[in-house]
PDB file of N, CA and C in Angstrom:
ATOM      1  N   MET A   1    -114.996 -10.974  31.553  1.00  0.00           N
ATOM      2  CA  MET A   1    -113.547 -10.912  31.475  1.00  0.00           C
ATOM      3  C   MET A   1    -113.025 -11.730  30.288  1.00  0.00           C
ATOM      4  N   THR A   2    -113.615 -12.894  30.058  1.00  0.00           N
ATOM      5  CA  THR A   2    -113.183 -13.742  28.959  1.00  0.00           C
ATOM      6  C   THR A   2    -113.467 -13.078  27.616  1.00  0.00           C
ATOM      7  N   GLY A   3    -114.586 -12.422  27.512  1.00  0.00           N
ATOM      8  CA  GLY A   3    -114.945 -11.721  26.278  1.00  0.00           C
ATOM      9  C   GLY A   3    -113.974 -10.586  25.972  1.00  0.00           C
ATOM     10  N   ALA A   4    -113.579  -9.837  26.989  1.00  0.00           N
ATOM     11  CA  ALA A   4    -112.633  -8.735  26.811  1.00  0.00           C
ATOM     12  C   ALA A   4    -111.274  -9.262  26.380  1.00  0.00           C
ATOM     13  N   LEU A   5    -110.860 -10.406  26.936  1.00  0.00           N
ATOM     14  CA  LEU A   5    -109.581 -11.009  26.567  1.00  0.00           C
ATOM     15  C   LEU A   5    -109.601 -11.466  25.104  1.00  0.00           C
ATOM     16  N   ALA A   6    -110.689 -12.064  24.670  1.00  0.00           N
ATOM     17  CA  ALA A   6    -110.817 -12.524  23.282  1.00  0.00           C
ATOM     18  C   ALA A   6    -110.785 -11.343  22.321  1.00  0.00           C
ATOM     19  N   GLU A   7    -111.468 -10.242  22.684  1.00  0.00           N
ATOM     20  CA  GLU A   7    -111.458  -9.049  21.844  1.00  0.00           C
ATOM     21  C   GLU A   7    -110.052  -8.450  21.756  1.00  0.00           C
ATOM     22  N   THR A   8    -109.341  -8.431  22.861  1.00  0.00           N
ATOM     23  CA  THR A   8    -107.983  -7.883  22.880  1.00  0.00           C
ATOM     24  C   THR A   8    -107.050  -8.732  22.031  1.00  0.00           C
ATOM     25  N   GLU A   9    -107.151 -10.052  22.131  1.00  0.00           N
ATOM     26  CA  GLU A   9    -106.313 -10.944  21.315  1.00  0.00           C
ATOM     27  C   GLU A   9    -106.613 -10.783  19.826  1.00  0.00           C
ATOM     28  N   ALA A  10    -107.887 -10.638  19.483  1.00  0.00           N
ATOM     29  CA  ALA A  10    -108.259 -10.421  18.080  1.00  0.00           C
ATOM     30  C   ALA A  10    -107.689  -9.098  17.577  1.00  0.00           C
ATOM     31  N   ARG A  11    -107.758  -8.078  18.417  1.00  0.00           N
ATOM     32  CA  ARG A  11    -107.212  -6.765  18.030  1.00  0.00           C
ATOM     33  C   ARG A  11    -105.695  -6.832  17.844  1.00  0.00           C
ATOM     34  N   LEU A  12    -105.005  -7.557  18.723  1.00  0.00           N
ATOM     35  CA  LEU A  12    -103.556  -7.723  18.594  1.00  0.00           C
ATOM     36  C   LEU A  12    -103.193  -8.454  17.300  1.00  0.00           C
ATOM     37  N   THR A  13    -103.972  -9.440  16.935  1.00  0.00           N
ATOM     38  CA  THR A  13    -103.734 -10.163  15.683  1.00  0.00           C
ATOM     39  C   THR A  13    -103.904  -9.238  14.492  1.00  0.00           C
ATOM     40  N   GLU A  14    -104.945  -8.409  14.511  1.00  0.00           N
ATOM     41  CA  GLU A  14    -105.160  -7.440  13.441  1.00  0.00           C
ATOM     42  C   GLU A  14    -104.012  -6.436  13.361  1.00  0.00           C
ATOM     43  N   LEU A  15    -103.550  -5.973  14.512  1.00  0.00           N
ATOM     44  CA  LEU A  15    -102.439  -5.017  14.529  1.00  0.00           C
ATOM     45  C   LEU A  15    -101.145  -5.640  14.004  1.00  0.00           C
ATOM     46  N   ALA A  16    -100.895  -6.892  14.344  1.00  0.00           N
ATOM     47  CA  ALA A  16     -99.693  -7.577  13.852  1.00  0.00           C
ATOM     48  C   ALA A  16     -99.747  -7.713  12.328  1.00  0.00           C
ATOM     49  N   THR A  17    -100.917  -8.041  11.806  1.00  0.00           N
ATOM     50  CA  THR A  17    -101.084  -8.148  10.355  1.00  0.00           C
ATOM     51  C   THR A  17    -100.881  -6.795   9.688  1.00  0.00           C
ATOM     52  N   ALA A  18    -101.475  -5.762  10.265  1.00  0.00           N
ATOM     53  CA  ALA A  18    -101.322  -4.409   9.707  1.00  0.00           C
ATOM     54  C   ALA A  18     -99.858  -3.979   9.735  1.00  0.00           C
ATOM     55  N   ARG A  19     -99.153  -4.304  10.813  1.00  0.00           N
ATOM     56  CA  ARG A  19     -97.736  -3.950  10.921  1.00  0.00           C
ATOM     57  C   ARG A  19     -96.915  -4.614   9.815  1.00  0.00           C
ATOM     58  N   LYS A  20     -97.203  -5.880   9.530  1.00  0.00           N
ATOM     59  CA  LYS A  20     -96.482  -6.588   8.461  1.00  0.00           C
ATOM     60  C   LYS A  20     -96.721  -5.924   7.105  1.00  0.00           C
ATOM     61  N   VAL A  21     -97.973  -5.571   6.840  1.00  0.00           N
ATOM     62  CA  VAL A  21     -98.309  -4.928   5.561  1.00  0.00           C
ATOM     63  C   VAL A  21     -97.610  -3.583   5.442  1.00  0.00           C
ATOM     64  N   ILE A  22     -97.644  -2.804   6.492  1.00  0.00           N
ATOM     65  CA  ILE A  22     -97.001  -1.482   6.470  1.00  0.00           C
ATOM     66  C   ILE A  22     -95.496  -1.622   6.316  1.00  0.00           C
ATOM     67  N   ALA A  23     -94.906  -2.589   6.987  1.00  0.00           N
ATOM     68  CA  ALA A  23     -93.457  -2.791   6.901  1.00  0.00           C
ATOM     69  C   ALA A  23     -93.041  -3.143   5.471  1.00  0.00           C
ATOM     70  N   GLU A  24     -93.881  -3.842   4.743  1.00  0.00           N
ATOM     71  CA  GLU A  24     -93.557  -4.198   3.356  1.00  0.00           C
ATOM     72  C   GLU A  24     -93.716  -3.018   2.403  1.00  0.00           C
ATOM     73  N   LEU A  25     -94.639  -2.123   2.708  1.00  0.00           N
ATOM     74  CA  LEU A  25     -94.950  -1.042   1.784  1.00  0.00           C
ATOM     75  C   LEU A  25     -94.257   0.283   2.091  1.00  0.00           C
ATOM     76  N   ALA A  26     -94.030   0.571   3.355  1.00  0.00           N
ATOM     77  CA  ALA A  26     -93.522   1.887   3.748  1.00  0.00           C
ATOM     78  C   ALA A  26     -92.006   1.876   3.879  1.00  0.00           C
ATOM     79  N   PRO A  27     -91.359   2.990   3.477  1.00  0.00           N
ATOM     80  CA  PRO A  27     -89.913   3.093   3.693  1.00  0.00           C
ATOM     81  C   PRO A  27     -89.609   3.307   5.170  1.00  0.00           C
ATOM     82  N   THR A  28     -88.362   3.086   5.529  1.00  0.00           N
ATOM     83  CA  THR A  28     -87.950   3.306   6.909  1.00  0.00           C
ATOM     84  C   THR A  28     -87.828   4.794   7.186  1.00  0.00           C
ATOM     85  N   ASP A  29     -87.571   5.163   8.437  1.00  0.00           N
ATOM     86  CA  ASP A  29     -87.470   6.575   8.836  1.00  0.00           C
ATOM     87  C   ASP A  29     -86.360   7.303   8.106  1.00  0.00           C
ATOM     88  N   ASP A  30     -85.275   6.595   7.767  1.00  0.00           N
ATOM     89  CA  ASP A  30     -84.163   7.271   7.104  1.00  0.00           C
ATOM     90  C   ASP A  30     -84.349   7.376   5.590  1.00  0.00           C
ATOM     91  N   GLY A  31     -85.518   6.970   5.104  1.00  0.00           N
ATOM     92  CA  GLY A  31     -85.803   7.107   3.683  1.00  0.00           C
ATOM     93  C   GLY A  31     -85.333   5.933   2.843  1.00  0.00           C
ATOM     94  N   GLY A  32     -84.654   4.980   3.469  1.00  0.00           N
ATOM     95  CA  GLY A  32     -84.178   3.813   2.731  1.00  0.00           C
ATOM     96  C   GLY A  32     -85.231   2.724   2.679  1.00  0.00           C
ATOM     97  N   GLU A  33     -84.916   1.685   1.999  1.00  0.00           N
ATOM     98  CA  GLU A  33     -85.824   0.554   1.933  1.00  0.00           C
ATOM     99  C   GLU A  33     -85.682  -0.268   3.202  1.00  0.00           C
ATOM    100  N   LEU A  34     -86.685  -1.088   3.483  1.00  0.00           N
ATOM    101  CA  LEU A  34     -86.605  -1.953   4.649  1.00  0.00           C
ATOM    102  C   LEU A  34     -85.525  -3.013   4.471  1.00  0.00           C
ATOM    103  N   ASP A  35     -85.498  -3.638   3.326  1.00  0.00           N
ATOM    104  CA  ASP A  35     -84.502  -4.660   3.029  1.00  0.00           C
ATOM    105  C   ASP A  35     -83.705  -4.212   1.823  1.00  0.00           C
ATOM    106  N   PRO A  36     -82.621  -3.456   2.032  1.00  0.00           N
ATOM    107  CA  PRO A  36     -81.841  -2.987   0.894  1.00  0.00           C
ATOM    108  C   PRO A  36     -81.229  -4.165   0.159  1.00  0.00           C
ATOM    109  N   PRO A  37     -81.078  -4.051  -1.160  1.00  0.00           N
ATOM    110  CA  PRO A  37     -80.477  -5.142  -1.898  1.00  0.00           C
ATOM    111  C   PRO A  37     -79.038  -5.350  -1.441  1.00  0.00           C
ATOM    112  N   GLU A  38     -78.626  -6.613  -1.423  1.00  0.00           N
ATOM    113  CA  GLU A  38     -77.274  -6.908  -0.966  1.00  0.00           C
ATOM    114  C   GLU A  38     -76.263  -6.437  -1.994  1.00  0.00           C
ATOM    115  N   PRO A  39     -75.162  -5.868  -1.521  1.00  0.00           N
ATOM    116  CA  PRO A  39     -74.134  -5.438  -2.473  1.00  0.00           C
ATOM    117  C   PRO A  39     -73.471  -6.651  -3.122  1.00  0.00           C
ATOM    118  N   THR A  40     -72.979  -6.441  -4.310  1.00  0.00           N
ATOM    119  CA  THR A  40     -72.303  -7.515  -5.011  1.00  0.00           C
ATOM    120  C   THR A  40     -70.988  -7.813  -4.307  1.00  0.00           C
ATOM    121  N   THR A  41     -70.789  -9.062  -3.962  1.00  0.00           N
ATOM    122  CA  THR A  41     -69.538  -9.436  -3.323  1.00  0.00           C
ATOM    123  C   THR A  41     -68.467  -9.570  -4.392  1.00  0.00           C
ATOM    124  N   VAL A  42     -67.221  -9.622  -3.954  1.00  0.00           N
ATOM    125  CA  VAL A  42     -66.119  -9.774  -4.888  1.00  0.00           C
ATOM    126  C   VAL A  42     -66.243 -11.115  -5.609  1.00  0.00           C
ATOM    127  N   TYR A  43     -66.663 -12.154  -4.877  1.00  0.00           N
ATOM    128  CA  TYR A  43     -66.839 -13.459  -5.507  1.00  0.00           C
ATOM    129  C   TYR A  43     -67.886 -13.393  -6.617  1.00  0.00           C
ATOM    130  N   GLN A  44     -68.974 -12.679  -6.372  1.00  0.00           N
ATOM    131  CA  GLN A  44     -70.009 -12.538  -7.396  1.00  0.00           C
ATOM    132  C   GLN A  44     -69.474 -11.777  -8.598  1.00  0.00           C
ATOM    133  N   ALA A  45     -68.699 -10.726  -8.357  1.00  0.00           N
ATOM    134  CA  ALA A  45     -68.135  -9.951  -9.462  1.00  0.00           C
ATOM    135  C   ALA A  45     -67.183 -10.808 -10.286  1.00  0.00           C
ATOM    136  N   ILE A  46     -66.380 -11.623  -9.610  1.00  0.00           N
ATOM    137  CA  ILE A  46     -65.460 -12.507 -10.327  1.00  0.00           C
ATOM    138  C   ILE A  46     -66.233 -13.504 -11.165  1.00  0.00           C
ATOM    139  N   MET A  47     -67.240 -14.133 -10.578  1.00  0.00           N
ATOM    140  CA  MET A  47     -68.017 -15.134 -11.324  1.00  0.00           C
ATOM    141  C   MET A  47     -68.799 -14.483 -12.465  1.00  0.00           C
ATOM    142  N   ASN A  48     -69.265 -13.257 -12.274  1.00  0.00           N
ATOM    143  CA  ASN A  48     -69.951 -12.553 -13.364  1.00  0.00           C
ATOM    144  C   ASN A  48     -69.007 -12.331 -14.539  1.00  0.00           C
ATOM    145  N   ALA A  49     -67.753 -11.986 -14.252  1.00  0.00           N
ATOM    146  CA  ALA A  49     -66.765 -11.791 -15.318  1.00  0.00           C
ATOM    147  C   ALA A  49     -66.537 -13.096 -16.072  1.00  0.00           C
ATOM    148  N   PHE A  50     -66.423 -14.200 -15.336  1.00  0.00           N
ATOM    149  CA  PHE A  50     -66.228 -15.496 -15.991  1.00  0.00           C
ATOM    150  C   PHE A  50     -67.480 -15.932 -16.750  1.00  0.00           C
ATOM    151  N   ASN A  51     -68.660 -15.624 -16.222  1.00  0.00           N
ATOM    152  CA  ASN A  51     -69.901 -15.991 -16.911  1.00  0.00           C
ATOM    153  C   ASN A  51     -70.078 -15.211 -18.209  1.00  0.00           C
ATOM    154  N   GLN A  52     -69.674 -13.941 -18.213  1.00  0.00           N
ATOM    155  CA  GLN A  52     -69.827 -13.116 -19.405  1.00  0.00           C
ATOM    156  C   GLN A  52     -68.858 -13.526 -20.508  1.00  0.00           C
ATOM    157  N   GLN A  53     -67.715 -14.066 -20.121  1.00  0.00           N
ATOM    158  CA  GLN A  53     -66.711 -14.486 -21.104  1.00  0.00           C
ATOM    159  C   GLN A  53     -66.283 -15.907 -20.762  1.00  0.00           C
ATOM    160  N   SER A  54     -67.229 -16.841 -20.857  1.00  0.00           N
ATOM    161  CA  SER A  54     -67.001 -18.200 -20.376  1.00  0.00           C
ATOM    162  C   SER A  54     -65.947 -18.974 -21.164  1.00  0.00           C
ATOM    163  N   ASP A  55     -65.646 -18.552 -22.374  1.00  0.00           N
ATOM    164  CA  ASP A  55     -64.658 -19.273 -23.175  1.00  0.00           C
ATOM    165  C   ASP A  55     -63.238 -18.733 -22.981  1.00  0.00           C
ATOM    166  N   ARG A  56     -63.072 -17.710 -22.169  1.00  0.00           N
ATOM    167  CA  ARG A  56     -61.776 -17.052 -22.010  1.00  0.00           C
ATOM    168  C   ARG A  56     -61.113 -17.451 -20.692  1.00  0.00           C
ATOM    169  N   ALA A  57     -59.805 -17.655 -20.737  1.00  0.00           N
ATOM    170  CA  ALA A  57     -59.019 -17.890 -19.524  1.00  0.00           C
ATOM    171  C   ALA A  57     -58.382 -16.568 -19.112  1.00  0.00           C
ATOM    172  N   PHE A  58     -58.489 -16.244 -17.839  1.00  0.00           N
ATOM    173  CA  PHE A  58     -57.970 -14.979 -17.314  1.00  0.00           C
ATOM    174  C   PHE A  58     -56.736 -15.199 -16.461  1.00  0.00           C
ATOM    175  N   ARG A  59     -55.825 -14.246 -16.528  1.00  0.00           N
ATOM    176  CA  ARG A  59     -54.779 -14.116 -15.524  1.00  0.00           C
ATOM    177  C   ARG A  59     -55.322 -13.144 -14.486  1.00  0.00           C
ATOM    178  N   VAL A  60     -54.742 -13.165 -13.303  1.00  0.00           N
ATOM    179  CA  VAL A  60     -55.247 -12.327 -12.216  1.00  0.00           C
ATOM    180  C   VAL A  60     -55.204 -10.851 -12.586  1.00  0.00           C
ATOM    181  N   ARG A  61     -54.108 -10.403 -13.185  1.00  0.00           N
ATOM    182  CA  ARG A  61     -53.990  -8.990 -13.558  1.00  0.00           C
ATOM    183  C   ARG A  61     -55.079  -8.607 -14.564  1.00  0.00           C
ATOM    184  N   GLU A  62     -55.339  -9.457 -15.553  1.00  0.00           N
ATOM    185  CA  GLU A  62     -56.382  -9.170 -16.546  1.00  0.00           C
ATOM    186  C   GLU A  62     -57.748  -9.063 -15.880  1.00  0.00           C
ATOM    187  N   LEU A  63     -58.005  -9.948 -14.937  1.00  0.00           N
ATOM    188  CA  LEU A  63     -59.278  -9.933 -14.221  1.00  0.00           C
ATOM    189  C   LEU A  63     -59.417  -8.644 -13.399  1.00  0.00           C
ATOM    190  N   HIS A  64     -58.346  -8.229 -12.751  1.00  0.00           N
ATOM    191  CA  HIS A  64     -58.364  -6.986 -11.976  1.00  0.00           C
ATOM    192  C   HIS A  64     -58.621  -5.786 -12.875  1.00  0.00           C
ATOM    193  N   GLU A  65     -57.980  -5.745 -14.020  1.00  0.00           N
ATOM    194  CA  GLU A  65     -58.184  -4.627 -14.947  1.00  0.00           C
ATOM    195  C   GLU A  65     -59.616  -4.610 -15.464  1.00  0.00           C
ATOM    196  N   LEU A  66     -60.171  -5.789 -15.756  1.00  0.00           N
ATOM    197  CA  LEU A  66     -61.544  -5.873 -16.249  1.00  0.00           C
ATOM    198  C   LEU A  66     -62.536  -5.388 -15.187  1.00  0.00           C
ATOM    199  N   LEU A  67     -62.289  -5.755 -13.934  1.00  0.00           N
ATOM    200  CA  LEU A  67     -63.217  -5.403 -12.858  1.00  0.00           C
ATOM    201  C   LEU A  67     -62.924  -4.045 -12.234  1.00  0.00           C
ATOM    202  N   GLY A  68     -61.851  -3.369 -12.672  1.00  0.00           N
ATOM    203  CA  GLY A  68     -61.506  -2.069 -12.119  1.00  0.00           C
ATOM    204  C   GLY A  68     -60.959  -2.160 -10.708  1.00  0.00           C
ATOM    205  N   MET A  69     -60.308  -3.265 -10.401  1.00  0.00           N
ATOM    206  CA  MET A  69     -59.723  -3.465  -9.079  1.00  0.00           C
ATOM    207  C   MET A  69     -58.259  -3.027  -9.110  1.00  0.00           C
ATOM    208  N   PRO A  70     -57.670  -2.718  -7.947  1.00  0.00           N
ATOM    209  CA  PRO A  70     -56.263  -2.312  -7.928  1.00  0.00           C
ATOM    210  C   PRO A  70     -55.358  -3.459  -8.376  1.00  0.00           C
ATOM    211  N   THR A  71     -54.261  -3.097  -9.031  1.00  0.00           N
ATOM    212  CA  THR A  71     -53.357  -4.118  -9.558  1.00  0.00           C
ATOM    213  C   THR A  71     -52.065  -4.218  -8.755  1.00  0.00           C
ATOM    214  N   ASP A  72     -52.102  -3.788  -7.495  1.00  0.00           N
ATOM    215  CA  ASP A  72     -50.913  -3.949  -6.659  1.00  0.00           C
ATOM    216  C   ASP A  72     -50.829  -5.403  -6.181  1.00  0.00           C
ATOM    217  N   ASP A  73     -49.621  -5.823  -5.818  1.00  0.00           N
ATOM    218  CA  ASP A  73     -49.391  -7.222  -5.471  1.00  0.00           C
ATOM    219  C   ASP A  73     -50.258  -7.742  -4.325  1.00  0.00           C
ATOM    220  N   PRO A  74     -50.415  -7.011  -3.214  1.00  0.00           N
ATOM    221  CA  PRO A  74     -51.255  -7.554  -2.136  1.00  0.00           C
ATOM    222  C   PRO A  74     -52.697  -7.816  -2.578  1.00  0.00           C
ATOM    223  N   ALA A  75     -53.256  -6.916  -3.353  1.00  0.00           N
ATOM    224  CA  ALA A  75     -54.639  -7.094  -3.811  1.00  0.00           C
ATOM    225  C   ALA A  75     -54.742  -8.287  -4.756  1.00  0.00           C
ATOM    226  N   MET A  76     -53.754  -8.446  -5.622  1.00  0.00           N
ATOM    227  CA  MET A  76     -53.792  -9.570  -6.562  1.00  0.00           C
ATOM    228  C   MET A  76     -53.577 -10.901  -5.843  1.00  0.00           C
ATOM    229  N   ASN A  77     -52.786 -10.899  -4.764  1.00  0.00           N
ATOM    230  CA  ASN A  77     -52.602 -12.131  -3.993  1.00  0.00           C
ATOM    231  C   ASN A  77     -53.905 -12.579  -3.338  1.00  0.00           C
ATOM    232  N   VAL A  78     -54.694 -11.618  -2.873  1.00  0.00           N
ATOM    233  CA  VAL A  78     -55.999 -11.953  -2.298  1.00  0.00           C
ATOM    234  C   VAL A  78     -56.880 -12.576  -3.375  1.00  0.00           C
ATOM    235  N   THR A  79     -56.853 -12.010  -4.570  1.00  0.00           N
ATOM    236  CA  THR A  79     -57.668 -12.552  -5.657  1.00  0.00           C
ATOM    237  C   THR A  79     -57.174 -13.940  -6.057  1.00  0.00           C
ATOM    238  N   ARG A  80     -55.870 -14.159  -6.042  1.00  0.00           N
ATOM    239  CA  ARG A  80     -55.345 -15.506  -6.323  1.00  0.00           C
ATOM    240  C   ARG A  80     -55.916 -16.525  -5.332  1.00  0.00           C
ATOM    241  N   SER A  81     -55.994 -16.129  -4.078  1.00  0.00           N
ATOM    242  CA  SER A  81     -56.573 -17.011  -3.064  1.00  0.00           C
ATOM    243  C   SER A  81     -58.046 -17.277  -3.357  1.00  0.00           C
ATOM    244  N   ARG A  82     -58.767 -16.232  -3.743  1.00  0.00           N
ATOM    245  CA  ARG A  82     -60.191 -16.397  -4.064  1.00  0.00           C
ATOM    246  C   ARG A  82     -60.378 -17.306  -5.266  1.00  0.00           C
ATOM    247  N   LEU A  83     -59.539 -17.120  -6.289  1.00  0.00           N
ATOM    248  CA  LEU A  83     -59.639 -17.965  -7.479  1.00  0.00           C
ATOM    249  C   LEU A  83     -59.291 -19.417  -7.141  1.00  0.00           C
ATOM    250  N   GLY A  84     -58.319 -19.602  -6.247  1.00  0.00           N
ATOM    251  CA  GLY A  84     -57.991 -20.957  -5.799  1.00  0.00           C
ATOM    252  C   GLY A  84     -59.163 -21.609  -5.091  1.00  0.00           C
ATOM    253  N   ARG A  85     -59.851 -20.838  -4.273  1.00  0.00           N
ATOM    254  CA  ARG A  85     -61.032 -21.367  -3.576  1.00  0.00           C
ATOM    255  C   ARG A  85     -62.129 -21.729  -4.571  1.00  0.00           C
ATOM    256  N   LEU A  86     -62.380 -20.858  -5.539  1.00  0.00           N
ATOM    257  CA  LEU A  86     -63.402 -21.147  -6.549  1.00  0.00           C
ATOM    258  C   LEU A  86     -63.017 -22.358  -7.386  1.00  0.00           C
ATOM    259  N   THR A  87     -61.722 -22.574  -7.590  1.00  0.00           N
ATOM    260  CA  THR A  87     -61.252 -23.750  -8.322  1.00  0.00           C
ATOM    261  C   THR A  87     -61.499 -25.011  -7.490  1.00  0.00           C
ATOM    262  N   ARG A  88     -61.153 -24.963  -6.210  1.00  0.00           N
ATOM    263  CA  ARG A  88     -61.379 -26.117  -5.335  1.00  0.00           C
ATOM    264  C   ARG A  88     -62.857 -26.448  -5.197  1.00  0.00           C
ATOM    265  N   GLN A  89     -63.713 -25.432  -5.261  1.00  0.00           N
ATOM    266  CA  GLN A  89     -65.152 -25.649  -5.149  1.00  0.00           C
ATOM    267  C   GLN A  89     -65.759 -26.140  -6.458  1.00  0.00           C
ATOM    268  N   GLY A  90     -64.984 -26.121  -7.533  1.00  0.00           N
ATOM    269  CA  GLY A  90     -65.462 -26.655  -8.801  1.00  0.00           C
ATOM    270  C   GLY A  90     -66.090 -25.649  -9.742  1.00  0.00           C
ATOM    271  N   PHE A  91     -66.026 -24.365  -9.417  1.00  0.00           N
ATOM    272  CA  PHE A  91     -66.599 -23.354 -10.299  1.00  0.00           C
ATOM    273  C   PHE A  91     -65.653 -22.998 -11.447  1.00  0.00           C
ATOM    274  N   LEU A  92     -64.344 -23.063 -11.178  1.00  0.00           N
ATOM    275  CA  LEU A  92     -63.341 -22.689 -12.173  1.00  0.00           C
ATOM    276  C   LEU A  92     -62.375 -23.853 -12.399  1.00  0.00           C
ATOM    277  N   THR A  93     -61.634 -23.773 -13.494  1.00  0.00           N
ATOM    278  CA  THR A  93     -60.542 -24.710 -13.760  1.00  0.00           C
ATOM    279  C   THR A  93     -59.284 -23.903 -14.021  1.00  0.00           C
ATOM    280  N   GLN A  94     -58.155 -24.582 -14.009  1.00  0.00           N
ATOM    281  CA  GLN A  94     -56.877 -23.948 -14.328  1.00  0.00           C
ATOM    282  C   GLN A  94     -56.314 -24.627 -15.571  1.00  0.00           C
ATOM    283  N   PRO A  95     -56.563 -24.037 -16.757  1.00  0.00           N
ATOM    284  CA  PRO A  95     -56.049 -24.645 -17.979  1.00  0.00           C
ATOM    285  C   PRO A  95     -54.537 -24.514 -18.129  1.00  0.00           C
ATOM    286  N   GLY A  96     -53.928 -23.650 -17.370  1.00  0.00           N
ATOM    287  CA  GLY A  96     -52.481 -23.450 -17.390  1.00  0.00           C
ATOM    288  C   GLY A  96     -52.068 -22.747 -16.117  1.00  0.00           C
ATOM    289  N   ARG A  97     -50.782 -22.701 -15.883  1.00  0.00           N
ATOM    290  CA  ARG A  97     -50.297 -22.067 -14.668  1.00  0.00           C
ATOM    291  C   ARG A  97     -50.655 -20.572 -14.657  1.00  0.00           C
ATOM    292  N   GLY A  98     -51.335 -20.142 -13.584  1.00  0.00           N
ATOM    293  CA  GLY A  98     -51.693 -18.746 -13.435  1.00  0.00           C
ATOM    294  C   GLY A  98     -52.882 -18.316 -14.283  1.00  0.00           C
ATOM    295  N   ARG A  99     -53.565 -19.257 -14.911  1.00  0.00           N
ATOM    296  CA  ARG A  99     -54.721 -18.934 -15.741  1.00  0.00           C
ATOM    297  C   ARG A  99     -55.947 -19.642 -15.134  1.00  0.00           C
ATOM    298  N   TYR A 100     -57.068 -18.948 -15.183  1.00  0.00           N
ATOM    299  CA  TYR A 100     -58.296 -19.494 -14.629  1.00  0.00           C
ATOM    300  C   TYR A 100     -59.408 -19.342 -15.646  1.00  0.00           C
ATOM    301  N   GLN A 101     -60.260 -20.359 -15.719  1.00  0.00           N
ATOM    302  CA  GLN A 101     -61.350 -20.367 -16.693  1.00  0.00           C
ATOM    303  C   GLN A 101     -62.575 -20.986 -16.048  1.00  0.00           C
ATOM    304  N   LYS A 102     -63.737 -20.600 -16.523  1.00  0.00           N
ATOM    305  CA  LYS A 102     -64.975 -21.172 -16.011  1.00  0.00           C
ATOM    306  C   LYS A 102     -65.065 -22.630 -16.408  1.00  0.00           C
ATOM    307  N   ARG A 103     -65.480 -23.448 -15.438  1.00  0.00           N
ATOM    308  CA  ARG A 103     -65.650 -24.876 -15.734  1.00  0.00           C
ATOM    309  C   ARG A 103     -66.854 -25.041 -16.652  1.00  0.00           C
ATOM    310  N   THR A 104     -66.696 -25.870 -17.658  1.00  0.00           N
ATOM    311  CA  THR A 104     -67.810 -26.096 -18.598  1.00  0.00           C
ATOM    312  C   THR A 104     -68.452 -27.433 -18.390  1.00  0.00           C
TER     313      THR A 104
END
């Protein structure tokens, strides 16, 4: 009985290892990847814009036009809040009223 239990445990360990290897290599049933890449968040898109033009100060409308975002007031107010958060976190500075720039 002890021998059969040891063989079964060894087989389970082999199966668990095989499952991990297959999960890394094989696509899922729906044809997608197991771990799809994460979509770019709005914060990442904003920081990418500032990183690409680190010497430039943006107004919210200019940033929206650059990123292809809507330029209606509610959408821009949300972005103002996001820029304020990034400023408080130390990623951006405000060189003037309504202008935001990457901290150097």
